[in-house]
């Protein structure tokens, strides 16, 4: 019965999840080739594309990932059932035929369509529960810190070019993490300060006797 507070709690809790979920997913996509070459082995090369897509999808699907808790709290669970049915149908109608016809690239497309469909459904139902929520605008703000980090790595690879060593790959990972942390602090300074205040409140003053 307090939609404004409900909206605030949803946005802040989801932003905290996105704060690590998006950089992790984007990182998986950026370094999929290195993970295969230096970790899994070159016989995994055909899987680089699907690992990249899964990383991006994991990042994108963190937008509104905690919507089920808010729907249940409001006693509105039908949207959860609808989203589940739509997910199953999307996989059967889009992902499965593409996988059977063009292989792994088809599965990658299907998984991408499934992720977009689910996030849009979440946005639709959440906006009905919490008027004022714009799920894509909310997601864009959360994704913003990962853009400069990914751009730095891509520009570096473009400038250097060619295959890289394990040491270069590790240096890129360290650079990506450093830029991500700096950008996150820059974009989310107020939220981090507020969260720090919550953490510091570990004692409750005793009532006067």
N, C-alpha and C. Protein backbone atom coordinates (compact mmCIF):
# COMPACT_ATOMS: atom_id res chain seq x y z
N UNK A 1 0.82 -1.21 0.00
CA UNK A 1 0.00 0.00 0.00
C UNK A 1 0.86 1.27 0.00
N UNK A 2 2.17 1.13 -0.21
CA UNK A 2 3.07 2.30 -0.29
C UNK A 2 3.91 2.17 -1.56
N UNK A 3 3.31 2.47 -2.70
CA UNK A 3 4.00 2.22 -3.98
C UNK A 3 5.31 2.97 -4.15
N UNK A 4 5.40 4.18 -3.59
CA UNK A 4 6.64 4.94 -3.72
C UNK A 4 7.80 4.24 -3.01
N UNK A 5 7.53 3.74 -1.80
CA UNK A 5 8.56 3.03 -1.05
C UNK A 5 8.90 1.70 -1.72
N UNK A 6 7.86 1.05 -2.27
CA UNK A 6 8.08 -0.20 -2.99
C UNK A 6 9.00 0.03 -4.18
N UNK A 7 8.76 1.11 -4.92
CA UNK A 7 9.57 1.43 -6.08
C UNK A 7 11.01 1.73 -5.66
N UNK A 8 11.18 2.49 -4.60
CA UNK A 8 12.53 2.83 -4.13
C UNK A 8 13.30 1.57 -3.72
N UNK A 9 12.65 0.69 -2.99
CA UNK A 9 13.33 -0.53 -2.53
C UNK A 9 13.68 -1.44 -3.70
N UNK A 10 12.80 -1.50 -4.70
CA UNK A 10 13.10 -2.32 -5.88
C UNK A 10 14.30 -1.77 -6.63
N UNK A 11 14.29 -0.48 -6.91
CA UNK A 11 15.35 0.12 -7.72
C UNK A 11 16.70 -0.01 -7.02
N UNK A 12 16.74 0.28 -5.72
CA UNK A 12 18.02 0.24 -5.01
C UNK A 12 18.55 -1.18 -4.90
N UNK A 13 17.67 -2.12 -4.58
CA UNK A 13 18.14 -3.50 -4.45
C UNK A 13 18.57 -4.06 -5.79
N UNK A 14 17.86 -3.70 -6.86
CA UNK A 14 18.24 -4.20 -8.18
C UNK A 14 19.53 -3.56 -8.66
N UNK A 15 19.73 -2.29 -8.34
CA UNK A 15 20.98 -1.63 -8.72
C UNK A 15 22.19 -2.27 -8.03
N UNK A 16 21.99 -2.70 -6.80
CA UNK A 16 23.08 -3.38 -6.09
C UNK A 16 23.43 -4.70 -6.77
N UNK A 17 22.39 -5.42 -7.23
CA UNK A 17 22.65 -6.66 -7.95
C UNK A 17 23.32 -6.40 -9.30
N UNK A 18 22.85 -5.38 -9.98
CA UNK A 18 23.42 -5.03 -11.28
C UNK A 18 24.86 -4.54 -11.16
N UNK A 19 25.18 -3.99 -10.00
CA UNK A 19 26.51 -3.41 -9.79
C UNK A 19 27.62 -4.44 -9.98
N UNK A 20 27.33 -5.71 -9.63
CA UNK A 20 28.33 -6.75 -9.85
C UNK A 20 27.93 -7.68 -11.01
N UNK A 21 26.62 -7.86 -11.22
CA UNK A 21 26.16 -8.79 -12.24
C UNK A 21 26.52 -8.35 -13.66
N UNK A 22 26.36 -7.06 -13.93
CA UNK A 22 26.66 -6.57 -15.28
C UNK A 22 28.16 -6.62 -15.58
N UNK A 23 29.03 -6.10 -14.70
CA UNK A 23 30.47 -6.22 -14.99
C UNK A 23 30.94 -7.67 -15.13
N UNK A 24 30.35 -8.58 -14.34
CA UNK A 24 30.75 -9.98 -14.45
C UNK A 24 30.35 -10.55 -15.80
N UNK A 25 29.10 -10.33 -16.21
CA UNK A 25 28.63 -10.85 -17.49
C UNK A 25 29.38 -10.26 -18.66
N UNK A 26 29.60 -8.95 -18.63
CA UNK A 26 30.36 -8.30 -19.71
C UNK A 26 31.79 -8.81 -19.72
N UNK A 27 32.36 -9.03 -18.53
CA UNK A 27 33.71 -9.56 -18.45
C UNK A 27 33.82 -10.95 -19.06
N UNK A 28 32.83 -11.80 -18.78
CA UNK A 28 32.81 -13.13 -19.38
C UNK A 28 32.80 -13.03 -20.90
N UNK A 29 31.99 -12.10 -21.43
CA UNK A 29 31.91 -11.92 -22.88
C UNK A 29 33.24 -11.41 -23.45
N UNK A 30 33.85 -10.45 -22.76
CA UNK A 30 35.10 -9.86 -23.26
C UNK A 30 36.25 -10.86 -23.26
N UNK A 31 36.29 -11.70 -22.23
CA UNK A 31 37.44 -12.57 -22.06
C UNK A 31 37.11 -14.04 -22.36
N UNK A 32 36.03 -14.29 -23.09
CA UNK A 32 35.66 -15.66 -23.44
C UNK A 32 36.78 -16.35 -24.21
N UNK A 33 37.37 -15.65 -25.16
CA UNK A 33 38.46 -16.24 -25.95
C UNK A 33 39.66 -16.59 -25.10
N UNK A 34 39.99 -15.72 -24.15
CA UNK A 34 41.14 -15.99 -23.28
C UNK A 34 40.86 -17.15 -22.34
N UNK A 35 39.60 -17.22 -21.84
CA UNK A 35 39.24 -18.34 -20.96
C UNK A 35 39.40 -19.66 -21.69
N UNK A 36 38.99 -19.69 -22.95
CA UNK A 36 39.11 -20.92 -23.74
C UNK A 36 40.58 -21.22 -24.05
N UNK A 37 41.31 -20.21 -24.53
CA UNK A 37 42.69 -20.43 -24.98
C UNK A 37 43.63 -20.79 -23.82
N UNK A 38 43.49 -20.07 -22.70
CA UNK A 38 44.43 -20.27 -21.60
C UNK A 38 43.89 -21.16 -20.49
N UNK A 39 42.59 -21.49 -20.55
CA UNK A 39 42.00 -22.29 -19.49
C UNK A 39 41.40 -23.61 -19.96
N UNK A 40 40.32 -23.52 -20.71
CA UNK A 40 39.60 -24.73 -21.12
C UNK A 40 40.35 -25.53 -22.18
N UNK A 41 41.08 -24.83 -23.04
CA UNK A 41 41.80 -25.52 -24.12
C UNK A 41 41.21 -25.16 -25.47
N UNK A 42 42.05 -25.20 -26.50
CA UNK A 42 41.62 -24.76 -27.82
C UNK A 42 40.55 -25.65 -28.45
N UNK A 43 40.37 -26.87 -27.91
CA UNK A 43 39.31 -27.72 -28.45
C UNK A 43 37.93 -27.16 -28.10
N UNK A 44 37.90 -26.15 -27.23
CA UNK A 44 36.65 -25.47 -26.88
C UNK A 44 36.39 -24.25 -27.77
N UNK A 45 37.19 -24.02 -28.79
CA UNK A 45 37.03 -22.83 -29.62
C UNK A 45 35.62 -22.64 -30.18
N UNK A 46 34.94 -23.73 -30.62
CA UNK A 46 33.58 -23.54 -31.14
C UNK A 46 32.60 -22.97 -30.11
N UNK A 47 32.97 -23.04 -28.83
CA UNK A 47 32.06 -22.57 -27.78
C UNK A 47 32.29 -21.11 -27.42
N UNK A 48 33.28 -20.45 -28.02
CA UNK A 48 33.57 -19.06 -27.66
C UNK A 48 32.35 -18.17 -27.89
N UNK A 49 31.68 -18.36 -29.01
CA UNK A 49 30.51 -17.54 -29.32
C UNK A 49 29.40 -17.71 -28.30
N UNK A 50 29.10 -18.96 -27.93
CA UNK A 50 28.01 -19.20 -26.99
C UNK A 50 28.37 -18.72 -25.59
N UNK A 51 29.66 -18.82 -25.20
CA UNK A 51 30.09 -18.29 -23.91
C UNK A 51 29.93 -16.77 -23.88
N UNK A 52 30.30 -16.12 -24.99
CA UNK A 52 30.15 -14.67 -25.10
C UNK A 52 28.69 -14.26 -24.94
N UNK A 53 27.81 -14.96 -25.66
CA UNK A 53 26.39 -14.63 -25.60
C UNK A 53 25.83 -14.88 -24.20
N UNK A 54 26.20 -15.99 -23.58
CA UNK A 54 25.72 -16.27 -22.23
C UNK A 54 26.18 -15.19 -21.25
N UNK A 55 27.40 -14.68 -21.43
CA UNK A 55 27.87 -13.61 -20.56
C UNK A 55 27.03 -12.35 -20.71
N UNK A 56 26.77 -11.94 -21.96
CA UNK A 56 25.96 -10.75 -22.21
C UNK A 56 24.53 -10.94 -21.73
N UNK A 57 23.98 -12.13 -21.96
CA UNK A 57 22.60 -12.41 -21.51
C UNK A 57 22.53 -12.39 -19.99
N UNK A 58 23.53 -12.97 -19.32
CA UNK A 58 23.54 -12.96 -17.85
C UNK A 58 23.56 -11.52 -17.33
N UNK A 59 24.35 -10.66 -17.98
CA UNK A 59 24.39 -9.25 -17.57
C UNK A 59 23.04 -8.58 -17.78
N UNK A 60 22.46 -8.77 -18.97
CA UNK A 60 21.19 -8.11 -19.31
C UNK A 60 20.05 -8.61 -18.44
N UNK A 61 20.04 -9.90 -18.15
CA UNK A 61 18.92 -10.46 -17.38
C UNK A 61 18.98 -10.10 -15.90
N UNK A 62 20.04 -9.45 -15.45
CA UNK A 62 20.04 -8.94 -14.08
C UNK A 62 19.11 -7.74 -13.94
N UNK A 63 18.69 -7.17 -15.05
CA UNK A 63 17.72 -6.06 -14.99
C UNK A 63 16.38 -6.62 -14.50
N UNK A 64 15.98 -6.22 -13.33
CA UNK A 64 14.72 -6.70 -12.76
C UNK A 64 14.76 -8.14 -12.31
N UNK A 65 15.97 -8.69 -12.06
CA UNK A 65 16.08 -10.12 -11.70
C UNK A 65 15.28 -10.45 -10.44
N UNK A 66 15.13 -9.50 -9.52
CA UNK A 66 14.47 -9.76 -8.24
C UNK A 66 12.98 -9.42 -8.28
N UNK A 67 12.40 -9.36 -9.46
CA UNK A 67 11.00 -8.95 -9.57
C UNK A 67 10.05 -9.94 -8.92
N UNK A 68 10.42 -11.23 -8.91
CA UNK A 68 9.53 -12.24 -8.34
C UNK A 68 9.24 -11.97 -6.87
N UNK A 69 10.26 -11.52 -6.13
CA UNK A 69 10.05 -11.24 -4.70
C UNK A 69 9.03 -10.14 -4.50
N UNK A 70 9.05 -9.12 -5.35
CA UNK A 70 8.12 -8.01 -5.21
C UNK A 70 6.71 -8.40 -5.65
N UNK A 71 6.62 -9.22 -6.68
CA UNK A 71 5.32 -9.70 -7.11
C UNK A 71 4.66 -10.56 -6.02
N UNK A 72 5.45 -11.43 -5.41
CA UNK A 72 4.91 -12.28 -4.35
C UNK A 72 4.51 -11.45 -3.13
N UNK A 73 5.33 -10.44 -2.82
CA UNK A 73 5.02 -9.59 -1.67
C UNK A 73 3.70 -8.85 -1.87
N UNK A 74 3.40 -8.52 -3.12
CA UNK A 74 2.14 -7.82 -3.43
C UNK A 74 0.99 -8.79 -3.66
N UNK A 75 1.26 -10.10 -3.60
CA UNK A 75 0.21 -11.08 -3.83
C UNK A 75 -0.22 -11.15 -5.28
N UNK A 76 0.69 -10.76 -6.20
CA UNK A 76 0.38 -10.76 -7.63
C UNK A 76 1.34 -11.74 -8.31
N UNK A 77 0.92 -12.98 -8.38
CA UNK A 77 1.83 -14.02 -8.90
C UNK A 77 1.50 -14.48 -10.31
N UNK A 78 0.37 -14.05 -10.85
CA UNK A 78 0.03 -14.47 -12.21
C UNK A 78 1.09 -14.04 -13.23
N UNK A 79 1.67 -12.82 -13.12
CA UNK A 79 2.71 -12.45 -14.08
C UNK A 79 3.89 -13.41 -14.09
N UNK A 80 4.20 -14.02 -12.94
CA UNK A 80 5.31 -14.98 -12.90
C UNK A 80 4.98 -16.20 -13.75
N UNK A 81 3.73 -16.66 -13.66
CA UNK A 81 3.31 -17.79 -14.47
C UNK A 81 3.33 -17.45 -15.96
N UNK A 82 2.86 -16.24 -16.29
CA UNK A 82 2.85 -15.80 -17.69
C UNK A 82 4.26 -15.74 -18.24
N UNK A 83 5.18 -15.18 -17.45
CA UNK A 83 6.58 -15.09 -17.91
C UNK A 83 7.18 -16.47 -18.12
N UNK A 84 6.83 -17.41 -17.25
CA UNK A 84 7.35 -18.77 -17.41
C UNK A 84 6.85 -19.44 -18.68
N UNK A 85 5.56 -19.25 -18.97
CA UNK A 85 4.99 -19.83 -20.19
C UNK A 85 5.60 -19.18 -21.43
N UNK A 86 5.76 -17.84 -21.39
CA UNK A 86 6.34 -17.14 -22.54
C UNK A 86 7.78 -17.60 -22.76
N UNK A 87 8.52 -17.81 -21.68
CA UNK A 87 9.90 -18.28 -21.81
C UNK A 87 9.95 -19.64 -22.48
N UNK A 88 9.09 -20.54 -22.04
CA UNK A 88 9.07 -21.88 -22.63
C UNK A 88 8.69 -21.83 -24.11
N UNK A 89 7.69 -21.03 -24.44
CA UNK A 89 7.25 -20.92 -25.83
C UNK A 89 8.33 -20.28 -26.70
N UNK A 90 9.00 -19.26 -26.16
CA UNK A 90 10.06 -18.60 -26.92
C UNK A 90 11.18 -19.57 -27.24
N UNK A 91 11.54 -20.38 -26.25
CA UNK A 91 12.61 -21.35 -26.49
C UNK A 91 12.18 -22.39 -27.53
N UNK A 92 10.93 -22.85 -27.44
CA UNK A 92 10.46 -23.87 -28.37
C UNK A 92 10.25 -23.33 -29.78
N UNK A 93 9.73 -22.11 -29.87
CA UNK A 93 9.35 -21.56 -31.17
C UNK A 93 10.51 -20.84 -31.86
N UNK A 94 11.41 -20.23 -31.07
CA UNK A 94 12.49 -19.45 -31.66
C UNK A 94 13.84 -20.17 -31.54
N UNK A 95 14.25 -20.47 -30.32
CA UNK A 95 15.60 -21.00 -30.10
C UNK A 95 15.79 -22.41 -30.68
N UNK A 96 14.82 -23.28 -30.45
CA UNK A 96 14.98 -24.67 -30.90
C UNK A 96 15.05 -24.80 -32.42
N UNK A 97 14.12 -24.18 -33.18
CA UNK A 97 14.25 -24.28 -34.65
C UNK A 97 15.55 -23.68 -35.18
N UNK A 98 15.99 -22.55 -34.59
CA UNK A 98 17.24 -21.94 -35.04
C UNK A 98 18.44 -22.84 -34.74
N UNK A 99 18.41 -23.49 -33.57
CA UNK A 99 19.49 -24.41 -33.22
C UNK A 99 19.54 -25.58 -34.21
N UNK A 100 18.38 -26.10 -34.57
CA UNK A 100 18.33 -27.26 -35.46
C UNK A 100 18.70 -26.91 -36.89
N UNK A 101 18.48 -25.65 -37.27
CA UNK A 101 18.74 -25.27 -38.67
C UNK A 101 20.14 -24.70 -38.88
N UNK A 102 20.62 -23.86 -37.98
CA UNK A 102 21.93 -23.22 -38.22
C UNK A 102 22.92 -23.48 -37.09
N UNK A 103 22.55 -24.33 -36.13
CA UNK A 103 23.51 -24.73 -35.10
C UNK A 103 23.66 -23.72 -33.97
N UNK A 104 24.86 -23.65 -33.40
CA UNK A 104 25.10 -22.79 -32.24
C UNK A 104 24.76 -21.32 -32.46
N UNK A 105 25.05 -20.74 -33.64
CA UNK A 105 24.63 -19.35 -33.84
C UNK A 105 23.12 -19.17 -33.68
N UNK A 106 22.35 -20.16 -34.10
CA UNK A 106 20.90 -20.10 -33.92
C UNK A 106 20.51 -20.11 -32.46
N UNK A 107 21.20 -20.94 -31.67
CA UNK A 107 20.93 -20.98 -30.24
C UNK A 107 21.28 -19.64 -29.60
N UNK A 108 22.38 -19.04 -30.04
CA UNK A 108 22.78 -17.73 -29.51
C UNK A 108 21.69 -16.69 -29.77
N UNK A 109 21.16 -16.68 -30.99
CA UNK A 109 20.08 -15.74 -31.32
C UNK A 109 18.86 -16.01 -30.46
N UNK A 110 18.50 -17.28 -30.34
CA UNK A 110 17.32 -17.64 -29.56
C UNK A 110 17.44 -17.23 -28.11
N UNK A 111 18.61 -17.43 -27.50
CA UNK A 111 18.82 -17.05 -26.11
C UNK A 111 18.73 -15.54 -25.96
N UNK A 112 19.26 -14.81 -26.94
CA UNK A 112 19.16 -13.35 -26.90
C UNK A 112 17.72 -12.88 -26.97
N UNK A 113 16.94 -13.47 -27.86
CA UNK A 113 15.51 -13.12 -27.97
C UNK A 113 14.78 -13.44 -26.67
N UNK A 114 15.10 -14.57 -26.08
CA UNK A 114 14.47 -14.98 -24.82
C UNK A 114 14.77 -13.97 -23.72
N UNK A 115 16.02 -13.52 -23.63
CA UNK A 115 16.40 -12.57 -22.59
C UNK A 115 15.68 -11.24 -22.76
N UNK A 116 15.65 -10.73 -23.99
CA UNK A 116 14.97 -9.45 -24.25
C UNK A 116 13.49 -9.56 -23.91
N UNK A 117 12.86 -10.66 -24.32
CA UNK A 117 11.44 -10.86 -24.06
C UNK A 117 11.14 -10.86 -22.56
N UNK A 118 11.99 -11.55 -21.79
CA UNK A 118 11.76 -11.63 -20.35
C UNK A 118 11.92 -10.28 -19.67
N UNK A 119 12.94 -9.53 -20.04
CA UNK A 119 13.15 -8.22 -19.42
C UNK A 119 12.00 -7.27 -19.76
N UNK A 120 11.52 -7.31 -20.99
CA UNK A 120 10.39 -6.46 -21.37
C UNK A 120 9.12 -6.86 -20.61
N UNK A 121 8.90 -8.14 -20.43
CA UNK A 121 7.75 -8.60 -19.65
C UNK A 121 7.86 -8.12 -18.20
N UNK A 122 9.03 -8.25 -17.62
CA UNK A 122 9.23 -7.76 -16.26
C UNK A 122 8.90 -6.28 -16.17
N UNK A 123 9.41 -5.52 -17.14
CA UNK A 123 9.17 -4.08 -17.14
C UNK A 123 7.69 -3.76 -17.22
N UNK A 124 6.96 -4.49 -18.05
CA UNK A 124 5.53 -4.25 -18.20
C UNK A 124 4.78 -4.51 -16.90
N UNK A 125 5.00 -5.67 -16.30
CA UNK A 125 4.27 -6.02 -15.09
C UNK A 125 4.71 -5.19 -13.89
N UNK A 126 6.00 -4.89 -13.81
CA UNK A 126 6.48 -4.07 -12.70
C UNK A 126 5.96 -2.64 -12.79
N UNK A 127 5.84 -2.11 -13.99
CA UNK A 127 5.32 -0.75 -14.14
C UNK A 127 3.86 -0.66 -13.73
N UNK A 128 3.13 -1.77 -13.84
CA UNK A 128 1.75 -1.79 -13.38
C UNK A 128 1.70 -1.86 -11.85
N UNK A 129 2.65 -2.56 -11.26
CA UNK A 129 2.70 -2.65 -9.81
C UNK A 129 3.27 -1.39 -9.19
N UNK A 130 4.28 -0.80 -9.87
CA UNK A 130 4.95 0.40 -9.35
C UNK A 130 4.98 1.47 -10.44
N UNK A 131 3.91 2.25 -10.54
CA UNK A 131 3.87 3.31 -11.56
C UNK A 131 5.07 4.25 -11.42
N UNK A 132 5.65 4.58 -12.54
CA UNK A 132 6.83 5.44 -12.52
C UNK A 132 8.11 4.69 -12.85
N UNK A 133 8.06 3.35 -12.79
CA UNK A 133 9.24 2.58 -13.13
C UNK A 133 9.40 2.50 -14.65
N UNK A 134 10.59 2.82 -15.12
CA UNK A 134 10.95 2.66 -16.53
C UNK A 134 12.11 1.69 -16.58
N UNK A 135 11.82 0.43 -16.86
CA UNK A 135 12.79 -0.64 -16.68
C UNK A 135 14.03 -0.44 -17.56
N UNK A 136 13.86 0.02 -18.79
CA UNK A 136 15.02 0.17 -19.68
C UNK A 136 15.89 1.35 -19.25
N UNK A 137 15.26 2.43 -18.79
CA UNK A 137 16.04 3.57 -18.27
C UNK A 137 16.81 3.15 -17.02
N UNK A 138 16.14 2.40 -16.17
CA UNK A 138 16.79 1.88 -14.97
C UNK A 138 17.97 0.97 -15.34
N UNK A 139 17.77 0.12 -16.34
CA UNK A 139 18.83 -0.77 -16.76
C UNK A 139 20.00 -0.03 -17.39
N UNK A 140 19.69 1.01 -18.18
CA UNK A 140 20.76 1.78 -18.83
C UNK A 140 21.67 2.43 -17.79
N UNK A 141 21.08 2.92 -16.72
CA UNK A 141 21.88 3.55 -15.67
C UNK A 141 22.81 2.53 -15.02
N UNK A 142 22.31 1.32 -14.84
CA UNK A 142 23.10 0.28 -14.19
C UNK A 142 24.21 -0.24 -15.10
N UNK A 143 23.95 -0.26 -16.40
CA UNK A 143 24.93 -0.77 -17.36
C UNK A 143 26.04 0.26 -17.62
N UNK A 144 25.75 1.52 -17.37
CA UNK A 144 26.68 2.61 -17.71
C UNK A 144 28.11 2.40 -17.20
N UNK A 145 28.33 1.95 -15.94
CA UNK A 145 29.73 1.80 -15.49
C UNK A 145 30.53 0.77 -16.28
N UNK A 146 29.87 -0.19 -16.91
CA UNK A 146 30.59 -1.21 -17.66
C UNK A 146 30.99 -0.73 -19.05
N UNK A 147 30.40 0.35 -19.52
CA UNK A 147 30.70 0.82 -20.88
C UNK A 147 32.13 1.33 -20.99
N UNK A 148 32.60 2.23 -20.11
CA UNK A 148 34.00 2.67 -20.26
C UNK A 148 34.99 1.54 -20.05
N UNK A 149 34.69 0.60 -19.14
CA UNK A 149 35.61 -0.52 -18.90
C UNK A 149 35.74 -1.39 -20.14
N UNK A 150 34.61 -1.73 -20.76
CA UNK A 150 34.65 -2.54 -21.98
C UNK A 150 35.30 -1.77 -23.12
N UNK A 151 35.03 -0.46 -23.21
CA UNK A 151 35.59 0.34 -24.29
C UNK A 151 37.11 0.41 -24.20
N UNK A 152 37.65 0.53 -22.97
CA UNK A 152 39.09 0.59 -22.79
C UNK A 152 39.75 -0.71 -23.28
N UNK A 153 39.16 -1.85 -22.94
CA UNK A 153 39.72 -3.13 -23.36
C UNK A 153 39.64 -3.29 -24.87
N UNK A 154 38.52 -2.94 -25.46
CA UNK A 154 38.36 -3.09 -26.91
C UNK A 154 39.31 -2.17 -27.67
N UNK A 155 39.47 -0.93 -27.18
CA UNK A 155 40.39 0.01 -27.84
C UNK A 155 41.83 -0.46 -27.69
N UNK A 156 42.16 -1.02 -26.54
CA UNK A 156 43.51 -1.54 -26.33
C UNK A 156 43.80 -2.69 -27.29
N UNK A 157 42.83 -3.58 -27.45
CA UNK A 157 43.02 -4.70 -28.37
C UNK A 157 43.14 -4.22 -29.80
N UNK A 158 42.38 -3.19 -30.14
CA UNK A 158 42.44 -2.65 -31.49
C UNK A 158 43.81 -2.02 -31.75
N UNK A 159 44.36 -1.37 -30.73
CA UNK A 159 45.66 -0.71 -30.89
C UNK A 159 46.80 -1.72 -30.94
N UNK A 160 46.74 -2.75 -30.10
CA UNK A 160 47.82 -3.73 -30.02
C UNK A 160 47.71 -4.75 -31.15
N UNK A 161 46.48 -5.34 -31.27
CA UNK A 161 46.23 -6.32 -32.33
C UNK A 161 46.98 -7.62 -32.12
N UNK A 162 46.58 -8.64 -32.87
CA UNK A 162 47.26 -9.93 -32.82
C UNK A 162 46.95 -10.73 -31.58
N UNK A 163 47.55 -11.93 -31.51
CA UNK A 163 47.35 -12.81 -30.37
C UNK A 163 48.07 -12.24 -29.16
N UNK A 164 47.60 -12.60 -27.97
CA UNK A 164 48.22 -12.10 -26.75
C UNK A 164 48.66 -13.26 -25.86
N UNK A 165 49.57 -12.93 -24.95
CA UNK A 165 50.08 -13.93 -24.02
C UNK A 165 49.18 -14.00 -22.79
N UNK A 166 49.46 -14.99 -21.94
CA UNK A 166 48.71 -15.12 -20.70
C UNK A 166 48.89 -13.87 -19.82
N UNK A 167 50.12 -13.35 -19.78
CA UNK A 167 50.39 -12.16 -18.98
C UNK A 167 49.61 -10.96 -19.49
N UNK A 168 49.50 -10.81 -20.81
CA UNK A 168 48.72 -9.71 -21.38
C UNK A 168 47.25 -9.87 -21.05
N UNK A 169 46.75 -11.10 -21.10
CA UNK A 169 45.34 -11.34 -20.78
C UNK A 169 45.05 -10.99 -19.32
N UNK A 170 45.96 -11.38 -18.43
CA UNK A 170 45.77 -11.06 -17.01
C UNK A 170 45.85 -9.55 -16.78
N UNK A 171 46.72 -8.88 -17.51
CA UNK A 171 46.83 -7.42 -17.39
C UNK A 171 45.54 -6.76 -17.85
N UNK A 172 44.94 -7.28 -18.92
CA UNK A 172 43.66 -6.75 -19.39
C UNK A 172 42.56 -6.95 -18.35
N UNK A 173 42.54 -8.11 -17.72
CA UNK A 173 41.54 -8.38 -16.69
C UNK A 173 41.71 -7.38 -15.54
N UNK A 174 42.96 -7.15 -15.11
CA UNK A 174 43.22 -6.21 -14.03
C UNK A 174 42.78 -4.80 -14.42
N UNK A 175 43.07 -4.41 -15.66
CA UNK A 175 42.66 -3.09 -16.14
C UNK A 175 41.14 -2.97 -16.19
N UNK A 176 40.49 -4.01 -16.67
CA UNK A 176 39.02 -4.02 -16.73
C UNK A 176 38.41 -3.85 -15.33
N UNK A 177 38.96 -4.58 -14.36
CA UNK A 177 38.45 -4.49 -12.99
C UNK A 177 38.68 -3.10 -12.41
N UNK A 178 39.86 -2.53 -12.67
CA UNK A 178 40.18 -1.21 -12.13
C UNK A 178 39.25 -0.14 -12.69
N UNK A 179 39.04 -0.16 -14.01
CA UNK A 179 38.16 0.84 -14.63
C UNK A 179 36.72 0.64 -14.17
N UNK A 180 36.31 -0.63 -14.02
CA UNK A 180 34.95 -0.91 -13.56
C UNK A 180 34.72 -0.36 -12.16
N UNK A 181 35.67 -0.59 -11.26
CA UNK A 181 35.54 -0.09 -9.89
C UNK A 181 35.48 1.43 -9.89
N UNK A 182 36.37 2.07 -10.64
CA UNK A 182 36.40 3.53 -10.69
C UNK A 182 35.09 4.09 -11.27
N UNK A 183 34.60 3.48 -12.35
CA UNK A 183 33.37 3.96 -12.97
C UNK A 183 32.16 3.72 -12.06
N UNK A 184 32.15 2.58 -11.37
CA UNK A 184 31.05 2.29 -10.47
C UNK A 184 31.00 3.30 -9.33
N UNK A 185 32.15 3.62 -8.77
CA UNK A 185 32.20 4.63 -7.71
C UNK A 185 31.72 5.98 -8.25
N UNK A 186 32.12 6.30 -9.47
CA UNK A 186 31.70 7.56 -10.06
C UNK A 186 30.21 7.65 -10.32
N UNK A 187 29.63 6.56 -10.86
CA UNK A 187 28.21 6.56 -11.21
C UNK A 187 27.32 6.32 -9.99
N UNK A 188 27.77 5.51 -9.05
CA UNK A 188 26.91 5.07 -7.95
C UNK A 188 27.41 5.55 -6.59
N UNK A 189 28.07 6.69 -6.57
CA UNK A 189 28.65 7.19 -5.32
C UNK A 189 27.58 7.35 -4.23
N UNK A 190 26.45 7.93 -4.58
CA UNK A 190 25.41 8.18 -3.58
C UNK A 190 24.82 6.88 -3.02
N UNK A 191 24.58 5.92 -3.90
CA UNK A 191 24.03 4.64 -3.44
C UNK A 191 25.03 3.92 -2.55
N UNK A 192 26.29 3.94 -2.93
CA UNK A 192 27.32 3.27 -2.13
C UNK A 192 27.46 3.94 -0.76
N UNK A 193 27.35 5.27 -0.73
CA UNK A 193 27.42 5.99 0.55
C UNK A 193 26.23 5.61 1.43
N UNK A 194 25.05 5.52 0.82
CA UNK A 194 23.87 5.13 1.58
C UNK A 194 24.00 3.70 2.12
N UNK A 195 24.49 2.79 1.27
CA UNK A 195 24.68 1.41 1.70
C UNK A 195 25.70 1.32 2.83
N UNK A 196 26.76 2.12 2.73
CA UNK A 196 27.76 2.13 3.79
C UNK A 196 27.14 2.58 5.11
N UNK A 197 26.22 3.53 5.02
CA UNK A 197 25.53 3.99 6.23
C UNK A 197 24.70 2.89 6.86
N UNK A 198 24.03 2.09 6.02
CA UNK A 198 23.25 0.96 6.55
C UNK A 198 24.15 -0.04 7.27
N UNK A 199 25.31 -0.32 6.65
CA UNK A 199 26.22 -1.32 7.22
C UNK A 199 26.77 -0.84 8.56
N UNK A 200 27.04 0.46 8.68
CA UNK A 200 27.61 0.99 9.91
C UNK A 200 26.64 1.00 11.08
N UNK A 201 25.35 0.91 10.77
CA UNK A 201 24.35 0.92 11.85
C UNK A 201 24.23 -0.47 12.47
N UNK A 202 25.22 -0.85 13.19
CA UNK A 202 25.25 -2.20 13.77
C UNK A 202 24.83 -2.23 15.23
N UNK A 203 24.69 -1.07 15.85
CA UNK A 203 24.29 -1.04 17.25
C UNK A 203 23.05 -0.17 17.40
N UNK A 204 22.22 -0.53 18.34
CA UNK A 204 21.00 0.21 18.63
C UNK A 204 21.17 0.82 20.02
N UNK A 205 21.01 2.12 20.18
CA UNK A 205 21.17 2.74 21.50
C UNK A 205 20.20 2.13 22.51
N UNK A 206 20.69 1.90 23.72
CA UNK A 206 19.84 1.33 24.76
C UNK A 206 18.87 2.40 25.27
N UNK A 207 17.67 1.93 25.57
CA UNK A 207 16.69 2.86 26.14
C UNK A 207 17.09 3.24 27.56
N UNK A 208 16.83 4.48 27.91
CA UNK A 208 17.19 4.95 29.26
C UNK A 208 16.41 4.18 30.30
N UNK A 209 17.10 3.74 31.36
CA UNK A 209 16.44 2.94 32.42
C UNK A 209 15.84 3.85 33.47
